[in-house]
C-alpha atoms as a PDB file:
ATOM      1  CA  MET A   1      -7.029  57.594  27.632  1.00  0.00           C
ATOM      2  CA  GLN A   2      -8.495  58.244  24.214  1.00  0.00           C
ATOM      3  CA  THR A   3     -11.313  60.656  23.262  1.00  0.00           C
ATOM      4  CA  SER A   4     -14.249  59.584  21.060  1.00  0.00           C
ATOM      5  CA  ALA A   5     -15.759  61.659  18.271  1.00  0.00           C
ATOM      6  CA  ASP A   6     -18.277  63.303  20.614  1.00  0.00           C
ATOM      7  CA  GLY A   7     -15.536  64.395  22.962  1.00  0.00           C
ATOM      8  CA  LYS A   8     -15.986  61.635  25.559  1.00  0.00           C
ATOM      9  CA  LYS A   9     -12.987  59.869  26.956  1.00  0.00           C
ATOM     10  CA  LEU A  10     -12.659  56.076  26.230  1.00  0.00           C
ATOM     11  CA  PRO A  11     -10.711  53.485  28.110  1.00  0.00           C
ATOM     12  CA  CYS A  12      -7.534  52.192  26.347  1.00  0.00           C
ATOM     13  CA  GLY A  13      -8.812  48.561  25.960  1.00  0.00           C
ATOM     14  CA  SER A  14     -11.985  49.685  24.239  1.00  0.00           C
ATOM     15  CA  VAL A  15     -10.002  51.631  21.725  1.00  0.00           C
ATOM     16  CA  ILE A  16      -7.913  48.609  20.744  1.00  0.00           C
ATOM     17  CA  ALA A  17     -11.003  46.388  20.275  1.00  0.00           C
ATOM     18  CA  LEU A  18     -12.696  48.984  18.147  1.00  0.00           C
ATOM     19  CA  SER A  19      -9.630  49.298  15.942  1.00  0.00           C
ATOM     20  CA  VAL A  20      -9.452  45.539  15.306  1.00  0.00           C
ATOM     21  CA  LEU A  21     -13.154  45.407  14.402  1.00  0.00           C
ATOM     22  CA  LEU A  22     -12.829  48.248  11.903  1.00  0.00           C
ATOM     23  CA  ALA A  23      -9.770  46.667  10.273  1.00  0.00           C
ATOM     24  CA  THR A  24     -11.525  43.327   9.836  1.00  0.00           C
ATOM     25  CA  THR A  25     -14.589  44.977   8.325  1.00  0.00           C
ATOM     26  CA  MET A  26     -12.622  46.997   5.825  1.00  0.00           C
ATOM     27  CA  PHE A  27     -10.049  44.519   4.446  1.00  0.00           C
ATOM     28  CA  VAL A  28     -11.524  40.969   4.726  1.00  0.00           C
ATOM     29  CA  PRO A  29     -13.688  40.070   1.664  1.00  0.00           C
ATOM     30  CA  SER A  30     -16.944  38.256   2.025  1.00  0.00           C
ATOM     31  CA  LEU A  31     -16.233  34.556   2.568  1.00  0.00           C
ATOM     32  CA  ARG A  32     -18.073  31.655   0.937  1.00  0.00           C
ATOM     33  CA  PRO A  33     -19.743  29.259   3.271  1.00  0.00           C
ATOM     34  CA  ALA A  34     -17.577  26.284   4.338  1.00  0.00           C
ATOM     35  CA  TYR A  35     -18.311  22.874   2.846  1.00  0.00           C
ATOM     36  CA  ALA A  36     -17.536  19.351   3.893  1.00  0.00           C
ATOM     37  CA  LEU A  37     -15.049  17.441   1.603  1.00  0.00           C
ATOM     38  CA  SER A  38     -17.790  15.298   0.059  1.00  0.00           C
ATOM     39  CA  GLU A  39     -19.938  18.351  -0.629  1.00  0.00           C
ATOM     40  CA  LEU A  40     -16.977  20.157  -2.209  1.00  0.00           C
ATOM     41  CA  LYS A  41     -16.345  17.290  -4.677  1.00  0.00           C
ATOM     42  CA  HIS A  42     -20.004  17.241  -5.625  1.00  0.00           C
ATOM     43  CA  GLU A  43     -19.951  20.940  -6.260  1.00  0.00           C
ATOM     44  CA  GLN A  44     -16.888  20.633  -8.521  1.00  0.00           C
ATOM     45  CA  VAL A  45     -18.554  17.937 -10.602  1.00  0.00           C
ATOM     46  CA  GLN A  46     -21.687  20.003 -10.993  1.00  0.00           C
ATOM     47  CA  GLU A  47     -19.711  23.072 -12.072  1.00  0.00           C
ATOM     48  CA  LYS A  48     -17.601  21.266 -14.757  1.00  0.00           C
ATOM     49  CA  PRO A  49     -19.417  21.333 -18.133  1.00  0.00           C
ATOM     50  CA  ALA A  50     -19.052  18.445 -20.621  1.00  0.00           C
ATOM     51  CA  ASP A  51     -17.464  19.430 -23.944  1.00  0.00           C
ATOM     52  CA  GLY A  52     -17.826  23.097 -23.136  1.00  0.00           C
ATOM     53  CA  GLN A  53     -21.604  22.833 -22.648  1.00  0.00           C
ATOM     54  CA  ALA A  54     -23.484  23.074 -19.418  1.00  0.00           C
ATOM     55  CA  PRO A  55     -25.093  19.756 -18.535  1.00  0.00           C
ATOM     56  CA  ALA A  56     -28.825  19.546 -18.696  1.00  0.00           C
ATOM     57  CA  LYS A  57     -30.682  19.703 -15.475  1.00  0.00           C
ATOM     58  CA  ASP A  58     -31.224  16.346 -13.751  1.00  0.00           C
ATOM     59  CA  GLU A  59     -29.168  14.585 -16.529  1.00  0.00           C
ATOM     60  CA  LYS A  60     -27.527  11.410 -15.218  1.00  0.00           C
ATOM     61  CA  PRO A  61     -24.064  10.369 -16.479  1.00  0.00           C
ATOM     62  CA  ALA A  62     -23.857   7.201 -18.637  1.00  0.00           C
ATOM     63  CA  PRO A  63     -23.016   4.113 -16.612  1.00  0.00           C
ATOM     64  CA  VAL A  64     -19.453   2.815 -16.972  1.00  0.00           C
ATOM     65  CA  GLU A  65     -19.164  -0.878 -17.813  1.00  0.00           C
ATOM     66  CA  THR A  66     -16.749  -2.831 -15.708  1.00  0.00           C
ATOM     67  CA  GLU A  67     -15.130  -6.251 -16.245  1.00  0.00           C
ATOM     68  CA  GLU A  68     -17.451  -7.707 -13.635  1.00  0.00           C
ATOM     69  CA  GLU A  69     -20.491  -6.572 -15.663  1.00  0.00           C
ATOM     70  CA  THR A  70     -19.271  -7.628 -19.127  1.00  0.00           C
ATOM     71  CA  GLY A  71     -17.421 -10.772 -18.077  1.00  0.00           C
ATOM     72  CA  PRO A  72     -14.143 -12.090 -19.552  1.00  0.00           C
ATOM     73  CA  LEU A  73     -13.499 -12.097 -23.303  1.00  0.00           C
ATOM     74  CA  GLN A  74     -15.089 -15.132 -24.953  1.00  0.00           C
ATOM     75  CA  LEU A  75     -13.641 -16.691 -28.130  1.00  0.00           C
ATOM     76  CA  PRO A  76     -16.196 -17.838 -30.736  1.00  0.00           C
ATOM     77  CA  LEU A  77     -16.770 -21.571 -30.932  1.00  0.00           C
ATOM     78  CA  PRO A  78     -16.110 -23.397 -34.232  1.00  0.00           C
ATOM     79  CA  ASP A  79     -19.101 -24.239 -36.386  1.00  0.00           C
ATOM     80  CA  PRO A  80     -20.519 -27.678 -35.595  1.00  0.00           C
ATOM     81  CA  LEU A  81     -20.764 -30.285 -38.319  1.00  0.00           C
ATOM     82  CA  ILE A  82     -24.535 -29.992 -38.113  1.00  0.00           C
ATOM     83  CA  ARG A  83     -25.831 -26.555 -37.199  1.00  0.00           C
ATOM     84  CA  SER A  84     -29.185 -25.721 -35.704  1.00  0.00           C
ATOM     85  CA  ASP A  85     -30.232 -23.931 -38.901  1.00  0.00           C
ATOM     86  CA  GLY A  86     -30.115 -27.212 -40.783  1.00  0.00           C
ATOM     87  CA  ALA A  87     -26.928 -26.466 -42.760  1.00  0.00           C
ATOM     88  CA  VAL A  88     -24.374 -29.256 -42.852  1.00  0.00           C
ATOM     89  CA  THR A  89     -20.634 -28.580 -42.833  1.00  0.00           C
ATOM     90  CA  GLU A  90     -18.927 -30.869 -45.306  1.00  0.00           C
ATOM     91  CA  PRO A  91     -16.160 -33.030 -43.799  1.00  0.00           C
ATOM     92  CA  ALA A  92     -12.637 -33.026 -45.189  1.00  0.00           C
ATOM     93  CA  ASP A  93     -12.236 -34.758 -48.520  1.00  0.00           C
ATOM     94  CA  ASP A  94     -11.533 -38.450 -48.036  1.00  0.00           C
ATOM     95  CA  THR A  95     -10.976 -40.281 -51.281  1.00  0.00           C
ATOM     96  CA  SER A  96     -11.037 -43.651 -49.527  1.00  0.00           C
ATOM     97  CA  ALA A  97     -14.680 -43.011 -48.589  1.00  0.00           C
ATOM     98  CA  ASP A  98     -15.649 -43.237 -52.283  1.00  0.00           C
ATOM     99  CA  GLN A  99     -13.978 -46.620 -52.739  1.00  0.00           C
ATOM    100  CA  PRO A 100     -16.090 -49.747 -52.289  1.00  0.00           C
ATOM    101  CA  PRO A 101     -15.011 -52.057 -49.469  1.00  0.00           C
ATOM    102  CA  VAL A 102     -12.426 -54.659 -50.475  1.00  0.00           C
ATOM    103  CA  GLU A 103     -13.571 -58.267 -50.397  1.00  0.00           C
ATOM    104  CA  VAL A 104     -10.877 -60.101 -48.463  1.00  0.00           C
ATOM    105  CA  ILE A 105     -10.842 -63.922 -48.763  1.00  0.00           C
ATOM    106  CA  HIS A 106      -8.742 -66.309 -46.684  1.00  0.00           C
ATOM    107  CA  GLU A 107     -10.066 -69.600 -48.049  1.00  0.00           C
ATOM    108  CA  ILE A 108      -8.731 -70.498 -51.488  1.00  0.00           C
ATOM    109  CA  ALA A 109     -11.726 -72.792 -52.009  1.00  0.00           C
ATOM    110  CA  LYS A 110     -13.854 -69.651 -52.489  1.00  0.00           C
ATOM    111  CA  ALA A 111     -11.913 -68.667 -55.618  1.00  0.00           C
ATOM    112  CA  PRO A 112     -12.937 -69.947 -59.087  1.00  0.00           C
ATOM    113  CA  GLU A 113     -11.397 -73.261 -60.131  1.00  0.00           C
ATOM    114  CA  PRO A 114      -9.113 -71.725 -62.863  1.00  0.00           C
ATOM    115  CA  VAL A 115      -7.714 -69.345 -60.228  1.00  0.00           C
ATOM    116  CA  ARG A 116      -7.112 -72.149 -57.750  1.00  0.00           C
ATOM    117  CA  ARG A 117      -5.397 -74.238 -60.429  1.00  0.00           C
ATOM    118  CA  MET A 118      -2.988 -71.495 -61.512  1.00  0.00           C
ATOM    119  CA  ARG A 119      -2.079 -70.691 -57.926  1.00  0.00           C
ATOM    120  CA  GLU A 120      -1.352 -74.351 -57.259  1.00  0.00           C
ATOM    121  CA  LEU A 121       0.953 -74.577 -60.288  1.00  0.00           C
ATOM    122  CA  ILE A 122       2.841 -71.444 -59.248  1.00  0.00           C
ATOM    123  CA  VAL A 123       3.316 -72.765 -55.705  1.00  0.00           C
ATOM    124  CA  GLU A 124       4.665 -76.109 -56.977  1.00  0.00           C
ATOM    125  CA  ALA A 125       7.129 -74.395 -59.326  1.00  0.00           C
ATOM    126  CA  ALA A 126       8.374 -71.939 -56.684  1.00  0.00           C
ATOM    127  CA  ALA A 127       8.751 -74.632 -54.027  1.00  0.00           C
ATOM    128  CA  SER A 128      10.995 -76.644 -56.397  1.00  0.00           C
ATOM    129  CA  GLY A 129      13.762 -74.023 -56.190  1.00  0.00           C
ATOM    130  CA  ASP A 130      14.098 -74.024 -59.990  1.00  0.00           C
ATOM    131  CA  ILE A 131      12.962 -70.679 -61.401  1.00  0.00           C
ATOM    132  CA  GLU A 132      12.847 -72.161 -64.920  1.00  0.00           C
ATOM    133  CA  ARG A 133       9.726 -74.067 -63.915  1.00  0.00           C
ATOM    134  CA  LEU A 134       7.915 -70.734 -63.873  1.00  0.00           C
ATOM    135  CA  ARG A 135       8.612 -70.085 -67.565  1.00  0.00           C
ATOM    136  CA  PRO A 136       5.630 -72.001 -69.047  1.00  0.00           C
ATOM    137  CA  LEU A 137       3.325 -70.343 -66.493  1.00  0.00           C
ATOM    138  CA  LEU A 138       4.461 -66.804 -67.348  1.00  0.00           C
ATOM    139  CA  GLY A 139       2.987 -66.917 -70.859  1.00  0.00           C
ATOM    140  CA  LYS A 140       4.138 -65.271 -74.072  1.00  0.00           C
ATOM    141  CA  GLY A 141       3.177 -62.345 -76.264  1.00  0.00           C
ATOM    142  CA  VAL A 142      -0.032 -60.598 -75.239  1.00  0.00           C
ATOM    143  CA  THR A 143      -0.591 -63.096 -72.418  1.00  0.00           C
ATOM    144  CA  GLU A 144       2.903 -62.688 -70.943  1.00  0.00           C
ATOM    145  CA  THR A 145       2.913 -62.026 -67.207  1.00  0.00           C
ATOM    146  CA  GLN A 146       4.057 -58.554 -66.187  1.00  0.00           C
ATOM    147  CA  VAL A 147       7.064 -58.907 -63.871  1.00  0.00           C
ATOM    148  CA  SER A 148       8.383 -55.327 -63.882  1.00  0.00           C
ATOM    149  CA  MET A 149       6.986 -51.806 -63.747  1.00  0.00           C
ATOM    150  CA  VAL A 150       9.361 -50.791 -66.527  1.00  0.00           C
ATOM    151  CA  GLU A 151       9.568 -52.274 -70.007  1.00  0.00           C
ATOM    152  CA  SER A 152      12.463 -54.597 -70.738  1.00  0.00           C
ATOM    153  CA  GLU A 153      13.650 -56.655 -73.685  1.00  0.00           C
ATOM    154  CA  GLU A 154      14.570 -59.480 -71.350  1.00  0.00           C
ATOM    155  CA  GLY A 155      12.248 -62.404 -70.806  1.00  0.00           C
ATOM    156  CA  PRO A 156      10.227 -62.629 -67.569  1.00  0.00           C
ATOM    157  CA  VAL A 157      12.441 -65.319 -66.030  1.00  0.00           C
ATOM    158  CA  GLU A 158      15.598 -63.311 -66.701  1.00  0.00           C
ATOM    159  CA  THR A 159      13.958 -60.189 -65.260  1.00  0.00           C
ATOM    160  CA  LEU A 160      13.003 -62.039 -62.069  1.00  0.00           C
ATOM    161  CA  LYS A 161      16.538 -63.348 -61.662  1.00  0.00           C
ATOM    162  CA  GLY A 162      17.809 -59.793 -61.927  1.00  0.00           C
ATOM    163  CA  GLN A 163      15.470 -58.723 -59.092  1.00  0.00           C
ATOM    164  CA  SER A 164      16.649 -61.510 -56.789  1.00  0.00           C
ATOM    165  CA  GLY A 165      19.421 -61.091 -54.273  1.00  0.00           C
ATOM    166  CA  ASP A 166      21.061 -64.270 -55.562  1.00  0.00           C
ATOM    167  CA  PRO A 167      21.989 -65.274 -59.139  1.00  0.00           C
ATOM    168  CA  ASP A 168      19.571 -68.219 -59.277  1.00  0.00           C
ATOM    169  CA  GLY A 169      16.411 -66.339 -58.331  1.00  0.00           C
ATOM    170  CA  ILE A 170      15.840 -68.326 -55.114  1.00  0.00           C
ATOM    171  CA  GLU A 171      14.961 -65.210 -53.127  1.00  0.00           C
ATOM    172  CA  VAL A 172      12.244 -64.258 -55.593  1.00  0.00           C
ATOM    173  CA  LEU A 173      10.789 -67.781 -55.419  1.00  0.00           C
ATOM    174  CA  ALA A 174      10.661 -67.541 -51.615  1.00  0.00           C
ATOM    175  CA  ILE A 175       8.877 -64.184 -51.810  1.00  0.00           C
ATOM    176  CA  LEU A 176       6.405 -65.640 -54.300  1.00  0.00           C
ATOM    177  CA  LEU A 177       5.546 -68.458 -51.897  1.00  0.00           C
ATOM    178  CA  ASP A 178       5.118 -66.044 -48.956  1.00  0.00           C
ATOM    179  CA  VAL A 179       2.802 -63.788 -50.953  1.00  0.00           C
ATOM    180  CA  LEU A 180       0.589 -66.668 -52.128  1.00  0.00           C
ATOM    181  CA  ALA A 181       0.335 -67.947 -48.550  1.00  0.00           C
ATOM    182  CA  THR A 182      -1.659 -64.890 -47.454  1.00  0.00           C
ATOM    183  CA  GLY A 183      -5.308 -64.039 -47.932  1.00  0.00           C
ATOM    184  CA  PHE A 184      -6.315 -62.429 -51.201  1.00  0.00           C
ATOM    185  CA  ALA A 185      -8.659 -59.733 -52.438  1.00  0.00           C
ATOM    186  CA  HIS A 186     -11.365 -59.949 -55.095  1.00  0.00           C
ATOM    187  CA  VAL A 187     -11.451 -56.648 -57.004  1.00  0.00           C
ATOM    188  CA  GLY A 188     -13.182 -55.230 -60.076  1.00  0.00           C
ATOM    189  CA  GLN A 189     -16.172 -57.574 -59.848  1.00  0.00           C
ATOM    190  CA  GLY A 190     -18.231 -57.518 -63.018  1.00  0.00           C
ATOM    191  CA  THR A 191     -15.685 -55.478 -65.009  1.00  0.00           C
ATOM    192  CA  ALA A 192     -12.930 -56.225 -67.495  1.00  0.00           C
ATOM    193  CA  ASP A 193     -10.402 -55.597 -64.704  1.00  0.00           C
ATOM    194  CA  GLU A 194     -11.765 -58.279 -62.380  1.00  0.00           C
ATOM    195  CA  MET A 195      -8.885 -59.880 -60.541  1.00  0.00           C
ATOM    196  CA  TYR A 196      -7.824 -61.977 -57.579  1.00  0.00           C
ATOM    197  CA  VAL A 197      -4.882 -60.244 -55.909  1.00  0.00           C
ATOM    198  CA  TRP A 198      -2.340 -61.556 -53.377  1.00  0.00           C
ATOM    199  CA  PRO A 199      -1.744 -60.260 -50.769  1.00  0.00           C
ATOM    200  CA  TYR A 200      -4.916 -58.359 -49.954  1.00  0.00           C
ATOM    201  CA  PHE A 201      -2.773 -55.621 -48.353  1.00  0.00           C
ATOM    202  CA  ALA A 202      -2.213 -54.364 -51.893  1.00  0.00           C
ATOM    203  CA  GLU A 203      -5.891 -53.419 -52.104  1.00  0.00           C
ATOM    204  CA  LYS A 204      -6.712 -52.493 -48.507  1.00  0.00           C
ATOM    205  CA  PRO A 205      -5.638 -49.227 -46.818  1.00  0.00           C
ATOM    206  CA  LEU A 206      -2.863 -49.896 -44.304  1.00  0.00           C
ATOM    207  CA  ALA A 207      -4.549 -47.635 -41.763  1.00  0.00           C
ATOM    208  CA  LYS A 208      -7.526 -50.024 -41.664  1.00  0.00           C
ATOM    209  CA  LEU A 209      -5.530 -53.197 -40.985  1.00  0.00           C
ATOM    210  CA  THR A 210      -6.469 -55.055 -37.814  1.00  0.00           C
ATOM    211  CA  PRO A 211      -3.735 -56.273 -35.430  1.00  0.00           C
ATOM    212  CA  PRO A 212      -3.939 -59.872 -36.806  1.00  0.00           C
ATOM    213  CA  GLU A 213      -3.677 -58.495 -40.346  1.00  0.00           C
ATOM    214  CA  LYS A 214      -0.585 -56.496 -39.370  1.00  0.00           C
ATOM    215  CA  VAL A 215       0.994 -59.708 -38.085  1.00  0.00           C
ATOM    216  CA  GLU A 216       0.247 -61.336 -41.432  1.00  0.00           C
ATOM    217  CA  LEU A 217       1.807 -58.397 -43.252  1.00  0.00           C
ATOM    218  CA  LEU A 218       4.982 -58.530 -41.151  1.00  0.00           C
ATOM    219  CA  ARG A 219       5.444 -62.138 -42.180  1.00  0.00           C
ATOM    220  CA  ILE A 220       6.202 -60.768 -45.647  1.00  0.00           C
ATOM    221  CA  VAL A 221       7.978 -57.465 -44.914  1.00  0.00           C
ATOM    222  CA  THR A 222      10.052 -56.059 -42.071  1.00  0.00           C
ATOM    223  CA  ALA A 223       8.867 -53.456 -39.558  1.00  0.00           C
ATOM    224  CA  GLY A 224      11.070 -50.919 -41.346  1.00  0.00           C
ATOM    225  CA  ASP A 225       9.392 -51.751 -44.664  1.00  0.00           C
ATOM    226  CA  TYR A 226       5.986 -51.344 -43.030  1.00  0.00           C
ATOM    227  CA  SER A 227       6.956 -47.921 -41.647  1.00  0.00           C
ATOM    228  CA  GLU A 228       8.071 -46.803 -45.112  1.00  0.00           C
ATOM    229  CA  MET A 229       4.806 -48.082 -46.589  1.00  0.00           C
ATOM    230  CA  GLN A 230       2.877 -45.952 -44.107  1.00  0.00           C
ATOM    231  CA  GLU A 231       4.797 -42.887 -45.275  1.00  0.00           C
ATOM    232  CA  PHE A 232       4.268 -43.911 -48.897  1.00  0.00           C
ATOM    233  CA  GLY A 233       0.552 -44.394 -48.284  1.00  0.00           C
ATOM    234  CA  SER A 234       0.025 -47.987 -49.413  1.00  0.00           C
ATOM    235  CA  TYR A 235       1.502 -51.455 -49.722  1.00  0.00           C
ATOM    236  CA  ASN A 236       4.254 -51.394 -52.350  1.00  0.00           C
ATOM    237  CA  PHE A 237       5.940 -54.807 -52.116  1.00  0.00           C
ATOM    238  CA  TYR A 238       5.440 -57.830 -54.398  1.00  0.00           C
ATOM    239  CA  ARG A 239       1.915 -58.784 -55.393  1.00  0.00           C
ATOM    240  CA  VAL A 240       0.332 -61.398 -57.658  1.00  0.00           C
ATOM    241  CA  GLY A 241      -2.732 -61.031 -59.853  1.00  0.00           C
ATOM    242  CA  ILE A 242      -4.711 -63.850 -61.471  1.00  0.00           C
ATOM    243  CA  THR A 243      -7.765 -63.295 -63.674  1.00  0.00           C
ATOM    244  CA  PRO A 244     -10.996 -65.279 -63.150  1.00  0.00           C
ATOM    245  CA  ASP A 245     -10.137 -67.455 -66.171  1.00  0.00           C
ATOM    246  CA  GLY A 246      -6.791 -68.458 -64.640  1.00  0.00           C
ATOM    247  CA  GLN A 247      -4.315 -66.173 -66.440  1.00  0.00           C
ATOM    248  CA  TRP A 248      -1.313 -65.102 -64.364  1.00  0.00           C
ATOM    249  CA  LYS A 249      -1.561 -61.367 -65.027  1.00  0.00           C
ATOM    250  CA  PHE A 250       1.276 -59.870 -62.968  1.00  0.00           C
ATOM    251  CA  PHE A 251       3.965 -60.435 -60.335  1.00  0.00           C
ATOM    252  CA  VAL A 252       5.415 -56.999 -59.622  1.00  0.00           C
ATOM    253  CA  THR A 253       6.771 -54.803 -56.870  1.00  0.00           C
ATOM    254  CA  GLY A 254       6.468 -51.051 -56.506  1.00  0.00           C
ATOM    255  CA  GLU A 255       3.520 -48.692 -56.910  1.00  0.00           C
END
């Protein structure tokens, strides 16, 4: 038995309970009220200042943009040729666009009579197999027909023989006949350079040839030659030029 402060005797169990109560009151600090987990997180956010400053009352945080809100990255589209503001984008430079269309003729009857006559004489001489028959048609002096892209002291007949794959110039005569058998082009109308040119491929861009025209071209050159011409950019095989007054101006190969 224990005795209280006023001298009364207390039961043993009461003494133990009183001791526990006094110990709890003396040593346990005041506790904060308990919060739920969601409430605790909210409290931590409210207590954390931004940049060392207390947030203003009722201030809402800035919304965070997400990929769903902004959408995927979009690349800018190229400018159209004609824009809505009326400005026009210039196309790439195309020198062929400045050239007038080539007049291609397949009927020899449409050529002037002096041109038809000279062509006929050339065909007869070439078909004979005797290259010497070309000599009077090739002219002399200032009217001499150009047969090479480089100057030579040799006469035109001798130069043509040197270009032929045989010593008699038969190959060159055969080429001359094939060239004059094609259509021709009328160029330089109304100028001092007006000319009738065989074959017309020499004056027409290869990229604009139609399938039938390509067949006509391959009657003169091989497919390999045609492929090289495409890389070169133009027809570069033999061609014939006759002026409107019937002068045989050139029979050359190359550029």
